[in-house]
């Protein structure tokens, strides 16, 4: 039985710049240039930890107010959004990678495939 996987893109965003990405990620836009965006599948999106009805910035403000995180001393344009909320890359990534298998990752992820090719070439050049 074939499994269907999706790759999570981790990007960095400032407080001022997160709104546009939030609208895309959470499918809040009314239309998309990418014809592969299927809005009927939006309810199937997985949220490891959601913000509820709050925006990403409102969620960050809540965390600051609760003392969970601190932005004290940071520059105004610092990139504070750089992970998927609630996604522990080392733990979750390892579990997903083991489940998917290296062949699936190489086949489905062009960046990873190129990285593996570079490693293989370097190993070949040193031998």
PDB file of N, CA and C in Angstrom:
ATOM      1  N   UNK A   1       0.839  -1.177   0.000  1.00  0.00           N
ATOM      2  CA  UNK A   1       0.000   0.000   0.000  1.00  0.00           C
ATOM      3  C   UNK A   1       0.882   1.237   0.000  1.00  0.00           C
ATOM      4  N   UNK A   2       0.644   2.152  -0.893  1.00  0.00           N
ATOM      5  CA  UNK A   2       1.429   3.369  -1.039  1.00  0.00           C
ATOM      6  C   UNK A   2       0.973   4.422  -0.036  1.00  0.00           C
ATOM      7  N   UNK A   3       1.946   5.122   0.541  1.00  0.00           N
ATOM      8  CA  UNK A   3       1.627   6.204   1.464  1.00  0.00           C
ATOM      9  C   UNK A   3       1.816   7.528   0.753  1.00  0.00           C
ATOM     10  N   UNK A   4       1.093   8.533   1.170  1.00  0.00           N
ATOM     11  CA  UNK A   4       1.188   9.858   0.581  1.00  0.00           C
ATOM     12  C   UNK A   4       1.831  10.787   1.600  1.00  0.00           C
ATOM     13  N   UNK A   5       2.941  11.424   1.214  1.00  0.00           N
ATOM     14  CA  UNK A   5       3.644  12.322   2.111  1.00  0.00           C
ATOM     15  C   UNK A   5       3.699  13.715   1.512  1.00  0.00           C
ATOM     16  N   UNK A   6       3.818  14.669   2.372  1.00  0.00           N
ATOM     17  CA  UNK A   6       3.998  16.043   1.951  1.00  0.00           C
ATOM     18  C   UNK A   6       5.234  16.571   2.650  1.00  0.00           C
ATOM     19  N   UNK A   7       5.965  17.430   1.989  1.00  0.00           N
ATOM     20  CA  UNK A   7       7.170  17.987   2.569  1.00  0.00           C
ATOM     21  C   UNK A   7       6.838  19.331   3.192  1.00  0.00           C
ATOM     22  N   UNK A   8       7.298  19.528   4.412  1.00  0.00           N
ATOM     23  CA  UNK A   8       7.077  20.804   5.102  1.00  0.00           C
ATOM     24  C   UNK A   8       8.234  21.734   4.796  1.00  0.00           C
ATOM     25  N   UNK A   9       7.917  22.909   4.352  1.00  0.00           N
ATOM     26  CA  UNK A   9       8.943  23.903   4.069  1.00  0.00           C
ATOM     27  C   UNK A   9       9.109  24.781   5.303  1.00  0.00           C
ATOM     28  N   UNK A  10      10.331  24.908   5.750  1.00  0.00           N
ATOM     29  CA  UNK A  10      10.617  25.757   6.902  1.00  0.00           C
ATOM     30  C   UNK A  10      11.250  27.036   6.385  1.00  0.00           C
ATOM     31  N   UNK A  11      10.590  28.141   6.615  1.00  0.00           N
ATOM     32  CA  UNK A  11      11.077  29.438   6.161  1.00  0.00           C
ATOM     33  C   UNK A  11      11.179  30.376   7.340  1.00  0.00           C
ATOM     34  N   UNK A  12      11.939  31.447   7.154  1.00  0.00           N
ATOM     35  CA  UNK A  12      12.075  32.452   8.197  1.00  0.00           C
ATOM     36  C   UNK A  12      11.278  33.688   7.826  1.00  0.00           C
ATOM     37  N   UNK A  13      10.592  34.257   8.819  1.00  0.00           N
ATOM     38  CA  UNK A  13       9.773  35.440   8.597  1.00  0.00           C
ATOM     39  C   UNK A  13       9.898  36.402   9.769  1.00  0.00           C
ATOM     40  N   UNK A  14       9.797  37.682   9.465  1.00  0.00           N
ATOM     41  CA  UNK A  14       9.747  38.701  10.499  1.00  0.00           C
ATOM     42  C   UNK A  14       8.300  38.879  10.937  1.00  0.00           C
ATOM     43  N   UNK A  15       8.108  39.595  12.039  1.00  0.00           N
ATOM     44  CA  UNK A  15       6.749  39.899  12.500  1.00  0.00           C
ATOM     45  C   UNK A  15       5.988  40.658  11.412  1.00  0.00           C
ATOM     46  N   UNK A  16       6.671  41.614  10.767  1.00  0.00           N
ATOM     47  CA  UNK A  16       6.016  42.413   9.730  1.00  0.00           C
ATOM     48  C   UNK A  16       5.711  41.608   8.467  1.00  0.00           C
ATOM     49  N   UNK A  17       6.491  40.572   8.194  1.00  0.00           N
ATOM     50  CA  UNK A  17       6.345  39.840   6.939  1.00  0.00           C
ATOM     51  C   UNK A  17       5.573  38.545   7.004  1.00  0.00           C
ATOM     52  N   UNK A  18       5.108  38.143   8.174  1.00  0.00           N
ATOM     53  CA  UNK A  18       4.467  36.835   8.294  1.00  0.00           C
ATOM     54  C   UNK A  18       3.052  36.794   7.736  1.00  0.00           C
ATOM     55  N   UNK A  19       2.376  37.928   7.668  1.00  0.00           N
ATOM     56  CA  UNK A  19       0.970  37.946   7.254  1.00  0.00           C
ATOM     57  C   UNK A  19       0.701  37.312   5.911  1.00  0.00           C
ATOM     58  N   UNK A  20       1.504  37.659   4.903  1.00  0.00           N
ATOM     59  CA  UNK A  20       1.301  37.105   3.560  1.00  0.00           C
ATOM     60  C   UNK A  20       1.481  35.592   3.564  1.00  0.00           C
ATOM     61  N   UNK A  21       2.514  35.122   4.249  1.00  0.00           N
ATOM     62  CA  UNK A  21       2.745  33.675   4.324  1.00  0.00           C
ATOM     63  C   UNK A  21       1.647  32.969   5.101  1.00  0.00           C
ATOM     64  N   UNK A  22       1.194  33.615   6.173  1.00  0.00           N
ATOM     65  CA  UNK A  22       0.110  33.018   6.961  1.00  0.00           C
ATOM     66  C   UNK A  22      -1.128  32.822   6.092  1.00  0.00           C
ATOM     67  N   UNK A  23      -1.460  33.820   5.276  1.00  0.00           N
ATOM     68  CA  UNK A  23      -2.633  33.695   4.406  1.00  0.00           C
ATOM     69  C   UNK A  23      -2.475  32.528   3.429  1.00  0.00           C
ATOM     70  N   UNK A  24      -1.264  32.333   2.927  1.00  0.00           N
ATOM     71  CA  UNK A  24      -1.034  31.227   2.002  1.00  0.00           C
ATOM     72  C   UNK A  24      -1.063  29.883   2.737  1.00  0.00           C
ATOM     73  N   UNK A  25      -0.304  29.787   3.833  1.00  0.00           N
ATOM     74  CA  UNK A  25      -0.191  28.525   4.571  1.00  0.00           C
ATOM     75  C   UNK A  25      -1.553  28.072   5.091  1.00  0.00           C
ATOM     76  N   UNK A  26      -2.306  29.001   5.642  1.00  0.00           N
ATOM     77  CA  UNK A  26      -3.608  28.666   6.237  1.00  0.00           C
ATOM     78  C   UNK A  26      -4.745  28.714   5.230  1.00  0.00           C
ATOM     79  N   UNK A  27      -4.417  28.922   3.969  1.00  0.00           N
ATOM     80  CA  UNK A  27      -5.400  28.958   2.876  1.00  0.00           C
ATOM     81  C   UNK A  27      -6.489  29.989   3.129  1.00  0.00           C
ATOM     82  N   UNK A  28      -6.063  31.209   3.514  1.00  0.00           N
ATOM     83  CA  UNK A  28      -7.000  32.306   3.744  1.00  0.00           C
ATOM     84  C   UNK A  28      -7.205  33.145   2.489  1.00  0.00           C
ATOM     85  N   UNK A  29      -6.389  32.935   1.459  1.00  0.00           N
ATOM     86  CA  UNK A  29      -6.552  33.671   0.203  1.00  0.00           C
ATOM     87  C   UNK A  29      -7.778  33.150  -0.535  1.00  0.00           C
ATOM     88  N   UNK A  30      -8.344  33.996  -1.371  1.00  0.00           N
ATOM     89  CA  UNK A  30      -9.516  33.584  -2.141  1.00  0.00           C
ATOM     90  C   UNK A  30      -9.135  32.852  -3.419  1.00  0.00           C
ATOM     91  N   UNK A  31      -7.940  33.131  -3.941  1.00  0.00           N
ATOM     92  CA  UNK A  31      -7.489  32.440  -5.156  1.00  0.00           C
ATOM     93  C   UNK A  31      -5.972  32.299  -5.112  1.00  0.00           C
ATOM     94  N   UNK A  32      -5.452  31.376  -5.911  1.00  0.00           N
ATOM     95  CA  UNK A  32      -4.031  31.080  -5.947  1.00  0.00           C
ATOM     96  C   UNK A  32      -3.555  30.949  -7.385  1.00  0.00           C
ATOM     97  N   UNK A  33      -2.353  31.473  -7.667  1.00  0.00           N
ATOM     98  CA  UNK A  33      -1.769  31.318  -8.996  1.00  0.00           C
ATOM     99  C   UNK A  33      -1.446  29.853  -9.268  1.00  0.00           C
ATOM    100  N   UNK A  34      -1.016  29.136  -8.244  1.00  0.00           N
ATOM    101  CA  UNK A  34      -0.666  27.735  -8.383  1.00  0.00           C
ATOM    102  C   UNK A  34      -1.938  26.916  -8.586  1.00  0.00           C
ATOM    103  N   UNK A  35      -2.076  26.348  -9.772  1.00  0.00           N
ATOM    104  CA  UNK A  35      -3.297  25.604 -10.086  1.00  0.00           C
ATOM    105  C   UNK A  35      -3.402  24.305  -9.296  1.00  0.00           C
ATOM    106  N   UNK A  36      -2.305  23.896  -8.623  1.00  0.00           N
ATOM    107  CA  UNK A  36      -2.322  22.661  -7.856  1.00  0.00           C
ATOM    108  C   UNK A  36      -2.888  22.844  -6.444  1.00  0.00           C
ATOM    109  N   UNK A  37      -3.157  24.076  -6.045  1.00  0.00           N
ATOM    110  CA  UNK A  37      -3.755  24.313  -4.733  1.00  0.00           C
ATOM    111  C   UNK A  37      -5.225  23.911  -4.810  1.00  0.00           C
ATOM    112  N   UNK A  38      -5.571  22.900  -4.044  1.00  0.00           N
ATOM    113  CA  UNK A  38      -6.935  22.375  -4.031  1.00  0.00           C
ATOM    114  C   UNK A  38      -7.578  22.759  -2.699  1.00  0.00           C
ATOM    115  N   UNK A  39      -8.344  23.843  -2.705  1.00  0.00           N
ATOM    116  CA  UNK A  39      -8.934  24.357  -1.475  1.00  0.00           C
ATOM    117  C   UNK A  39      -9.887  23.363  -0.819  1.00  0.00           C
ATOM    118  N   UNK A  40     -10.410  22.421  -1.569  1.00  0.00           N
ATOM    119  CA  UNK A  40     -11.319  21.445  -0.971  1.00  0.00           C
ATOM    120  C   UNK A  40     -10.572  20.509  -0.022  1.00  0.00           C
ATOM    121  N   UNK A  41      -9.237  20.457  -0.147  1.00  0.00           N
ATOM    122  CA  UNK A  41      -8.438  19.579   0.712  1.00  0.00           C
ATOM    123  C   UNK A  41      -7.887  20.304   1.946  1.00  0.00           C
ATOM    124  N   UNK A  42      -8.182  21.598   2.077  1.00  0.00           N
ATOM    125  CA  UNK A  42      -7.683  22.372   3.204  1.00  0.00           C
ATOM    126  C   UNK A  42      -8.024  21.742   4.556  1.00  0.00           C
ATOM    127  N   UNK A  43      -9.230  21.204   4.750  1.00  0.00           N
ATOM    128  CA  UNK A  43      -9.533  20.589   6.050  1.00  0.00           C
ATOM    129  C   UNK A  43      -8.632  19.390   6.384  1.00  0.00           C
ATOM    130  N   UNK A  44      -7.925  18.864   5.390  1.00  0.00           N
ATOM    131  CA  UNK A  44      -7.033  17.722   5.628  1.00  0.00           C
ATOM    132  C   UNK A  44      -5.645  18.152   6.099  1.00  0.00           C
ATOM    133  N   UNK A  45      -5.385  19.464   6.080  1.00  0.00           N
ATOM    134  CA  UNK A  45      -4.078  19.958   6.531  1.00  0.00           C
ATOM    135  C   UNK A  45      -3.836  19.554   7.974  1.00  0.00           C
ATOM    136  N   UNK A  46      -2.590  19.246   8.277  1.00  0.00           N
ATOM    137  CA  UNK A  46      -2.206  18.832   9.622  1.00  0.00           C
ATOM    138  C   UNK A  46      -1.590  20.022  10.347  1.00  0.00           C
ATOM    139  N   UNK A  47      -2.055  20.287  11.533  1.00  0.00           N
ATOM    140  CA  UNK A  47      -1.468  21.305  12.398  1.00  0.00           C
ATOM    141  C   UNK A  47      -0.908  20.587  13.619  1.00  0.00           C
ATOM    142  N   UNK A  48       0.412  20.569  13.749  1.00  0.00           N
ATOM    143  CA  UNK A  48       1.016  19.942  14.916  1.00  0.00           C
ATOM    144  C   UNK A  48       0.653  20.710  16.179  1.00  0.00           C
ATOM    145  N   UNK A  49       0.534  22.018  16.029  1.00  0.00           N
ATOM    146  CA  UNK A  49       0.080  22.885  17.126  1.00  0.00           C
ATOM    147  C   UNK A  49      -0.510  24.113  16.476  1.00  0.00           C
ATOM    148  N   UNK A  50      -1.788  24.290  16.620  1.00  0.00           N
ATOM    149  CA  UNK A  50      -2.443  25.396  15.959  1.00  0.00           C
ATOM    150  C   UNK A  50      -2.527  26.644  16.823  1.00  0.00           C
ATOM    151  N   UNK A  51      -2.907  27.726  16.196  1.00  0.00           N
ATOM    152  CA  UNK A  51      -3.080  29.009  16.884  1.00  0.00           C
ATOM    153  C   UNK A  51      -4.543  29.281  17.195  1.00  0.00           C
ATOM    154  N   UNK A  52      -5.395  28.320  16.930  1.00  0.00           N
ATOM    155  CA  UNK A  52      -6.824  28.537  17.132  1.00  0.00           C
ATOM    156  C   UNK A  52      -7.324  29.594  16.173  1.00  0.00           C
ATOM    157  N   UNK A  53      -8.083  30.523  16.663  1.00  0.00           N
ATOM    158  CA  UNK A  53      -8.621  31.604  15.837  1.00  0.00           C
ATOM    159  C   UNK A  53      -7.657  32.781  15.727  1.00  0.00           C
ATOM    160  N   UNK A  54      -6.535  32.715  16.436  1.00  0.00           N
ATOM    161  CA  UNK A  54      -5.572  33.814  16.433  1.00  0.00           C
ATOM    162  C   UNK A  54      -4.718  33.806  15.173  1.00  0.00           C
ATOM    163  N   UNK A  55      -4.247  34.983  14.789  1.00  0.00           N
ATOM    164  CA  UNK A  55      -3.261  35.066  13.718  1.00  0.00           C
ATOM    165  C   UNK A  55      -1.916  34.658  14.290  1.00  0.00           C
ATOM    166  N   UNK A  56      -0.927  34.441  13.434  1.00  0.00           N
ATOM    167  CA  UNK A  56       0.409  34.076  13.918  1.00  0.00           C
ATOM    168  C   UNK A  56       0.965  35.167  14.836  1.00  0.00           C
ATOM    169  N   UNK A  57       0.787  36.431  14.443  1.00  0.00           N
ATOM    170  CA  UNK A  57       1.295  37.517  15.279  1.00  0.00           C
ATOM    171  C   UNK A  57       0.542  37.605  16.603  1.00  0.00           C
ATOM    172  N   UNK A  58      -0.760  37.395  16.588  1.00  0.00           N
ATOM    173  CA  UNK A  58      -1.532  37.422  17.835  1.00  0.00           C
ATOM    174  C   UNK A  58      -1.094  36.280  18.749  1.00  0.00           C
ATOM    175  N   UNK A  59      -0.783  35.134  18.154  1.00  0.00           N
ATOM    176  CA  UNK A  59      -0.298  33.989  18.929  1.00  0.00           C
ATOM    177  C   UNK A  59       1.054  34.325  19.561  1.00  0.00           C
ATOM    178  N   UNK A  60       1.934  34.955  18.791  1.00  0.00           N
ATOM    179  CA  UNK A  60       3.233  35.363  19.322  1.00  0.00           C
ATOM    180  C   UNK A  60       3.045  36.366  20.464  1.00  0.00           C
ATOM    181  N   UNK A  61       2.159  37.343  20.282  1.00  0.00           N
ATOM    182  CA  UNK A  61       1.880  38.316  21.341  1.00  0.00           C
ATOM    183  C   UNK A  61       1.386  37.616  22.610  1.00  0.00           C
ATOM    184  N   UNK A  62       0.555  36.595  22.434  1.00  0.00           N
ATOM    185  CA  UNK A  62       0.037  35.832  23.574  1.00  0.00           C
ATOM    186  C   UNK A  62       1.175  35.125  24.299  1.00  0.00           C
ATOM    187  N   UNK A  63       2.083  34.503  23.546  1.00  0.00           N
ATOM    188  CA  UNK A  63       3.223  33.812  24.158  1.00  0.00           C
ATOM    189  C   UNK A  63       4.123  34.781  24.917  1.00  0.00           C
ATOM    190  N   UNK A  64       4.308  35.975  24.355  1.00  0.00           N
ATOM    191  CA  UNK A  64       5.109  37.001  25.029  1.00  0.00           C
ATOM    192  C   UNK A  64       4.410  37.436  26.316  1.00  0.00           C
ATOM    193  N   UNK A  65       3.109  37.701  26.241  1.00  0.00           N
ATOM    194  CA  UNK A  65       2.344  38.148  27.405  1.00  0.00           C
ATOM    195  C   UNK A  65       2.361  37.102  28.518  1.00  0.00           C
ATOM    196  N   UNK A  66       2.333  35.820  28.148  1.00  0.00           N
ATOM    197  CA  UNK A  66       2.353  34.734  29.139  1.00  0.00           C
ATOM    198  C   UNK A  66       3.748  34.492  29.698  1.00  0.00           C
ATOM    199  N   UNK A  67       4.759  35.099  29.068  1.00  0.00           N
ATOM    200  CA  UNK A  67       6.131  34.877  29.509  1.00  0.00           C
ATOM    201  C   UNK A  67       6.739  33.595  28.964  1.00  0.00           C
ATOM    202  N   UNK A  68       6.071  32.975  28.003  1.00  0.00           N
ATOM    203  CA  UNK A  68       6.580  31.744  27.396  1.00  0.00           C
ATOM    204  C   UNK A  68       7.792  32.038  26.524  1.00  0.00           C
ATOM    205  N   UNK A  69       7.760  33.150  25.827  1.00  0.00           N
ATOM    206  CA  UNK A  69       8.890  33.601  25.014  1.00  0.00           C
ATOM    207  C   UNK A  69       9.151  35.072  25.316  1.00  0.00           C
ATOM    208  N   UNK A  70      10.356  35.507  24.984  1.00  0.00           N
ATOM    209  CA  UNK A  70      10.720  36.903  25.182  1.00  0.00           C
ATOM    210  C   UNK A  70      11.338  37.451  23.907  1.00  0.00           C
ATOM    211  N   UNK A  71      10.930  38.638  23.532  1.00  0.00           N
ATOM    212  CA  UNK A  71      11.520  39.320  22.381  1.00  0.00           C
ATOM    213  C   UNK A  71      12.397  40.479  22.836  1.00  0.00           C
ATOM    214  N   UNK A  72      12.614  40.584  24.149  1.00  0.00           N
ATOM    215  CA  UNK A  72      13.379  41.691  24.713  1.00  0.00           C
ATOM    216  C   UNK A  72      14.800  41.688  24.149  1.00  0.00           C
ATOM    217  N   UNK A  73      15.240  42.845  23.709  1.00  0.00           N
ATOM    218  CA  UNK A  73      16.594  42.999  23.200  1.00  0.00           C
ATOM    219  C   UNK A  73      16.774  42.619  21.741  1.00  0.00           C
ATOM    220  N   UNK A  74      15.715  42.157  21.097  1.00  0.00           N
ATOM    221  CA  UNK A  74      15.823  41.766  19.691  1.00  0.00           C
ATOM    222  C   UNK A  74      15.551  42.963  18.797  1.00  0.00           C
ATOM    223  N   UNK A  75      16.205  42.987  17.648  1.00  0.00           N
ATOM    224  CA  UNK A  75      15.954  44.053  16.678  1.00  0.00           C
ATOM    225  C   UNK A  75      14.532  43.931  16.159  1.00  0.00           C
ATOM    226  N   UNK A  76      14.003  45.062  15.706  1.00  0.00           N
ATOM    227  CA  UNK A  76      12.610  45.092  15.227  1.00  0.00           C
ATOM    228  C   UNK A  76      12.384  44.155  14.036  1.00  0.00           C
ATOM    229  N   UNK A  77      13.405  44.005  13.177  1.00  0.00           N
ATOM    230  CA  UNK A  77      13.235  43.183  11.970  1.00  0.00           C
ATOM    231  C   UNK A  77      13.792  41.766  12.124  1.00  0.00           C
ATOM    232  N   UNK A  78      13.955  41.308  13.366  1.00  0.00           N
ATOM    233  CA  UNK A  78      14.483  39.964  13.592  1.00  0.00           C
ATOM    234  C   UNK A  78      13.498  38.917  13.065  1.00  0.00           C
ATOM    235  N   UNK A  79      14.029  37.818  12.579  1.00  0.00           N
ATOM    236  CA  UNK A  79      13.181  36.736  12.074  1.00  0.00           C
ATOM    237  C   UNK A  79      12.771  35.864  13.254  1.00  0.00           C
ATOM    238  N   UNK A  80      11.508  35.957  13.631  1.00  0.00           N
ATOM    239  CA  UNK A  80      11.016  35.223  14.794  1.00  0.00           C
ATOM    240  C   UNK A  80      10.180  34.009  14.418  1.00  0.00           C
ATOM    241  N   UNK A  81       9.743  33.935  13.180  1.00  0.00           N
ATOM    242  CA  UNK A  81       8.995  32.771  12.708  1.00  0.00           C
ATOM    243  C   UNK A  81       9.922  31.974  11.800  1.00  0.00           C
ATOM    244  N   UNK A  82      10.452  30.867  12.314  1.00  0.00           N
ATOM    245  CA  UNK A  82      11.357  30.088  11.478  1.00  0.00           C
ATOM    246  C   UNK A  82      11.154  28.592  11.621  1.00  0.00           C
ATOM    247  N   UNK A  83      10.079  28.213  12.201  1.00  0.00           N
ATOM    248  CA  UNK A  83       9.758  26.800  12.317  1.00  0.00           C
ATOM    249  C   UNK A  83       8.259  26.631  12.190  1.00  0.00           C
ATOM    250  N   UNK A  84       7.840  25.434  12.008  1.00  0.00           N
ATOM    251  CA  UNK A  84       6.423  25.120  12.012  1.00  0.00           C
ATOM    252  C   UNK A  84       6.009  25.055  13.482  1.00  0.00           C
ATOM    253  N   UNK A  85       4.998  25.807  13.933  1.00  0.00           N
ATOM    254  CA  UNK A  85       4.628  25.777  15.352  1.00  0.00           C
ATOM    255  C   UNK A  85       4.352  24.367  15.852  1.00  0.00           C
ATOM    256  N   UNK A  86       5.030  23.974  16.912  1.00  0.00           N
ATOM    257  CA  UNK A  86       4.821  22.664  17.510  1.00  0.00           C
ATOM    258  C   UNK A  86       5.565  21.533  16.822  1.00  0.00           C
ATOM    259  N   UNK A  87       6.307  21.837  15.769  1.00  0.00           N
ATOM    260  CA  UNK A  87       7.027  20.806  15.034  1.00  0.00           C
ATOM    261  C   UNK A  87       8.455  20.732  15.545  1.00  0.00           C
ATOM    262  N   UNK A  88       8.821  19.615  16.121  1.00  0.00           N
ATOM    263  CA  UNK A  88      10.184  19.416  16.613  1.00  0.00           C
ATOM    264  C   UNK A  88      10.963  18.710  15.511  1.00  0.00           C
ATOM    265  N   UNK A  89      11.758  19.473  14.754  1.00  0.00           N
ATOM    266  CA  UNK A  89      12.408  18.951  13.552  1.00  0.00           C
ATOM    267  C   UNK A  89      13.233  17.694  13.831  1.00  0.00           C
ATOM    268  N   UNK A  90      14.017  17.719  14.891  1.00  0.00           N
ATOM    269  CA  UNK A  90      14.882  16.565  15.170  1.00  0.00           C
ATOM    270  C   UNK A  90      14.050  15.328  15.478  1.00  0.00           C
ATOM    271  N   UNK A  91      13.061  15.464  16.359  1.00  0.00           N
ATOM    272  CA  UNK A  91      12.249  14.304  16.745  1.00  0.00           C
ATOM    273  C   UNK A  91      11.282  13.909  15.629  1.00  0.00           C
ATOM    274  N   UNK A  92      10.435  14.845  15.184  1.00  0.00           N
ATOM    275  CA  UNK A  92       9.421  14.512  14.184  1.00  0.00           C
ATOM    276  C   UNK A  92      10.045  14.176  12.839  1.00  0.00           C
ATOM    277  N   UNK A  93      11.074  14.924  12.448  1.00  0.00           N
ATOM    278  CA  UNK A  93      11.744  14.655  11.176  1.00  0.00           C
ATOM    279  C   UNK A  93      12.354  13.268  11.137  1.00  0.00           C
ATOM    280  N   UNK A  94      12.956  12.855  12.245  1.00  0.00           N
ATOM    281  CA  UNK A  94      13.556  11.517  12.314  1.00  0.00           C
ATOM    282  C   UNK A  94      12.498  10.436  12.183  1.00  0.00           C
ATOM    283  N   UNK A  95      11.394  10.609  12.885  1.00  0.00           N
ATOM    284  CA  UNK A  95      10.308   9.620  12.830  1.00  0.00           C
ATOM    285  C   UNK A  95       9.748   9.527  11.415  1.00  0.00           C
ATOM    286  N   UNK A  96       9.460  10.690  10.804  1.00  0.00           N
ATOM    287  CA  UNK A  96       8.918  10.693   9.443  1.00  0.00           C
ATOM    288  C   UNK A  96       9.913  10.096   8.452  1.00  0.00           C
ATOM    289  N   UNK A  97      11.187  10.428   8.605  1.00  0.00           N
ATOM    290  CA  UNK A  97      12.213   9.914   7.690  1.00  0.00           C
ATOM    291  C   UNK A  97      12.314   8.403   7.763  1.00  0.00           C
ATOM    292  N   UNK A  98      12.296   7.863   8.964  1.00  0.00           N
ATOM    293  CA  UNK A  98      12.366   6.401   9.125  1.00  0.00           C
ATOM    294  C   UNK A  98      11.139   5.741   8.514  1.00  0.00           C
ATOM    295  N   UNK A  99       9.987   6.347   8.715  1.00  0.00           N
ATOM    296  CA  UNK A  99       8.749   5.783   8.193  1.00  0.00           C
ATOM    297  C   UNK A  99       8.712   5.837   6.668  1.00  0.00           C
ATOM    298  N   UNK A 100       9.159   6.967   6.099  1.00  0.00           N
ATOM    299  CA  UNK A 100       9.133   7.148   4.650  1.00  0.00           C
ATOM    300  C   UNK A 100      10.193   6.302   3.951  1.00  0.00           C
ATOM    301  N   UNK A 101      11.373   6.256   4.520  1.00  0.00           N
ATOM    302  CA  UNK A 101      12.480   5.548   3.895  1.00  0.00           C
ATOM    303  C   UNK A 101      13.270   6.464   2.971  1.00  0.00           C
ATOM    304  N   UNK A 102      14.558   6.197   2.866  1.00  0.00           N
ATOM    305  CA  UNK A 102      15.473   7.044   2.099  1.00  0.00           C
ATOM    306  C   UNK A 102      15.101   7.093   0.617  1.00  0.00           C
ATOM    307  N   UNK A 103      14.644   5.988   0.063  1.00  0.00           N
ATOM    308  CA  UNK A 103      14.304   5.967  -1.365  1.00  0.00           C
ATOM    309  C   UNK A 103      13.155   6.930  -1.681  1.00  0.00           C
ATOM    310  N   UNK A 104      12.149   6.977  -0.816  1.00  0.00           N
ATOM    311  CA  UNK A 104      11.020   7.883  -1.017  1.00  0.00           C
ATOM    312  C   UNK A 104      11.480   9.330  -0.909  1.00  0.00           C
ATOM    313  N   UNK A 105      12.309   9.621   0.082  1.00  0.00           N
ATOM    314  CA  UNK A 105      12.782  10.992   0.274  1.00  0.00           C
ATOM    315  C   UNK A 105      13.601  11.442  -0.933  1.00  0.00           C
ATOM    316  N   UNK A 106      14.496  10.592  -1.403  1.00  0.00           N
ATOM    317  CA  UNK A 106      15.323  10.931  -2.573  1.00  0.00           C
ATOM    318  C   UNK A 106      14.443  11.140  -3.807  1.00  0.00           C
ATOM    319  N   UNK A 107      13.445  10.303  -3.984  1.00  0.00           N
ATOM    320  CA  UNK A 107      12.571  10.400  -5.152  1.00  0.00           C
ATOM    321  C   UNK A 107      11.693  11.654  -5.104  1.00  0.00           C
ATOM    322  N   UNK A 108      11.184  12.008  -3.930  1.00  0.00           N
ATOM    323  CA  UNK A 108      10.193  13.077  -3.811  1.00  0.00           C
ATOM    324  C   UNK A 108      10.769  14.458  -3.505  1.00  0.00           C
ATOM    325  N   UNK A 109      11.996  14.531  -3.040  1.00  0.00           N
ATOM    326  CA  UNK A 109      12.555  15.810  -2.618  1.00  0.00           C
ATOM    327  C   UNK A 109      13.784  16.168  -3.455  1.00  0.00           C
ATOM    328  N   UNK A 110      13.617  17.064  -4.440  1.00  0.00           N
ATOM    329  CA  UNK A 110      14.731  17.394  -5.326  1.00  0.00           C
ATOM    330  C   UNK A 110      15.927  18.009  -4.606  1.00  0.00           C
ATOM    331  N   UNK A 111      15.699  18.812  -3.580  1.00  0.00           N
ATOM    332  CA  UNK A 111      16.824  19.422  -2.850  1.00  0.00           C
ATOM    333  C   UNK A 111      17.625  18.359  -2.105  1.00  0.00           C
ATOM    334  N   UNK A 112      16.928  17.432  -1.467  1.00  0.00           N
ATOM    335  CA  UNK A 112      17.600  16.355  -0.747  1.00  0.00           C
ATOM    336  C   UNK A 112      18.359  15.464  -1.737  1.00  0.00           C
ATOM    337  N   UNK A 113      17.722  15.179  -2.878  1.00  0.00           N
ATOM    338  CA  UNK A 113      18.354  14.338  -3.900  1.00  0.00           C
ATOM    339  C   UNK A 113      19.669  14.951  -4.369  1.00  0.00           C
ATOM    340  N   UNK A 114      19.669  16.261  -4.620  1.00  0.00           N
ATOM    341  CA  UNK A 114      20.895  16.941  -5.051  1.00  0.00           C
ATOM    342  C   UNK A 114      21.959  16.926  -3.962  1.00  0.00           C
ATOM    343  N   UNK A 115      21.530  17.082  -2.721  1.00  0.00           N
ATOM    344  CA  UNK A 115      22.457  17.055  -1.590  1.00  0.00           C
ATOM    345  C   UNK A 115      23.118  15.678  -1.488  1.00  0.00           C
ATOM    346  N   UNK A 116      22.342  14.619  -1.646  1.00  0.00           N
ATOM    347  CA  UNK A 116      22.873  13.252  -1.597  1.00  0.00           C
ATOM    348  C   UNK A 116      23.855  13.027  -2.750  1.00  0.00           C
ATOM    349  N   UNK A 117      23.540  13.542  -3.933  1.00  0.00           N
ATOM    350  CA  UNK A 117      24.454  13.423  -5.080  1.00  0.00           C
ATOM    351  C   UNK A 117      25.782  14.108  -4.783  1.00  0.00           C
ATOM    352  N   UNK A 118      25.719  15.285  -4.166  1.00  0.00           N
ATOM    353  CA  UNK A 118      26.948  16.011  -3.824  1.00  0.00           C
ATOM    354  C   UNK A 118      27.786  15.225  -2.816  1.00  0.00           C
ATOM    355  N   UNK A 119      27.136  14.641  -1.827  1.00  0.00           N
ATOM    356  CA  UNK A 119      27.854  13.837  -0.830  1.00  0.00           C
ATOM    357  C   UNK A 119      28.503  12.629  -1.497  1.00  0.00           C
ATOM    358  N   UNK A 120      27.747  11.960  -2.364  1.00  0.00           N
ATOM    359  CA  UNK A 120      28.277  10.786  -3.055  1.00  0.00           C
ATOM    360  C   UNK A 120      29.473  11.160  -3.930  1.00  0.00           C
ATOM    361  N   UNK A 121      29.399  12.300  -4.610  1.00  0.00           N
ATOM    362  CA  UNK A 121      30.504  12.755  -5.457  1.00  0.00           C
ATOM    363  C   UNK A 121      31.722  13.060  -4.613  1.00  0.00           C
ATOM    364  N   UNK A 122      31.532  13.736  -3.482  1.00  0.00           N
ATOM    365  CA  UNK A 122      32.665  14.047  -2.607  1.00  0.00           C
ATOM    366  C   UNK A 122      33.309  12.765  -2.079  1.00  0.00           C
ATOM    367  N   UNK A 123      32.507  11.782  -1.734  1.00  0.00           N
ATOM    368  CA  UNK A 123      33.030  10.500  -1.257  1.00  0.00           C
ATOM    369  C   UNK A 123      33.810   9.799  -2.357  1.00  0.00           C
ATOM    370  N   UNK A 124      33.284   9.867  -3.568  1.00  0.00           N
ATOM    371  CA  UNK A 124      33.958   9.249  -4.721  1.00  0.00           C
ATOM    372  C   UNK A 124      35.294   9.942  -5.018  1.00  0.00           C
ATOM    373  N   UNK A 125      35.306  11.273  -4.921  1.00  0.00           N
ATOM    374  CA  UNK A 125      36.529  12.046  -5.185  1.00  0.00           C
ATOM    375  C   UNK A 125      37.610  11.792  -4.156  1.00  0.00           C
ATOM    376  N   UNK A 126      37.235  11.475  -2.918  1.00  0.00           N
ATOM    377  CA  UNK A 126      38.239  11.248  -1.869  1.00  0.00           C
ATOM    378  C   UNK A 126      38.798   9.831  -1.900  1.00  0.00           C
ATOM    379  N   UNK A 127      38.136   8.930  -2.605  1.00  0.00           N
ATOM    380  CA  UNK A 127      38.620   7.537  -2.695  1.00  0.00           C
ATOM    381  C   UNK A 127      39.525   7.316  -3.843  1.00  0.00           C
TER     382      UNK A 127
END
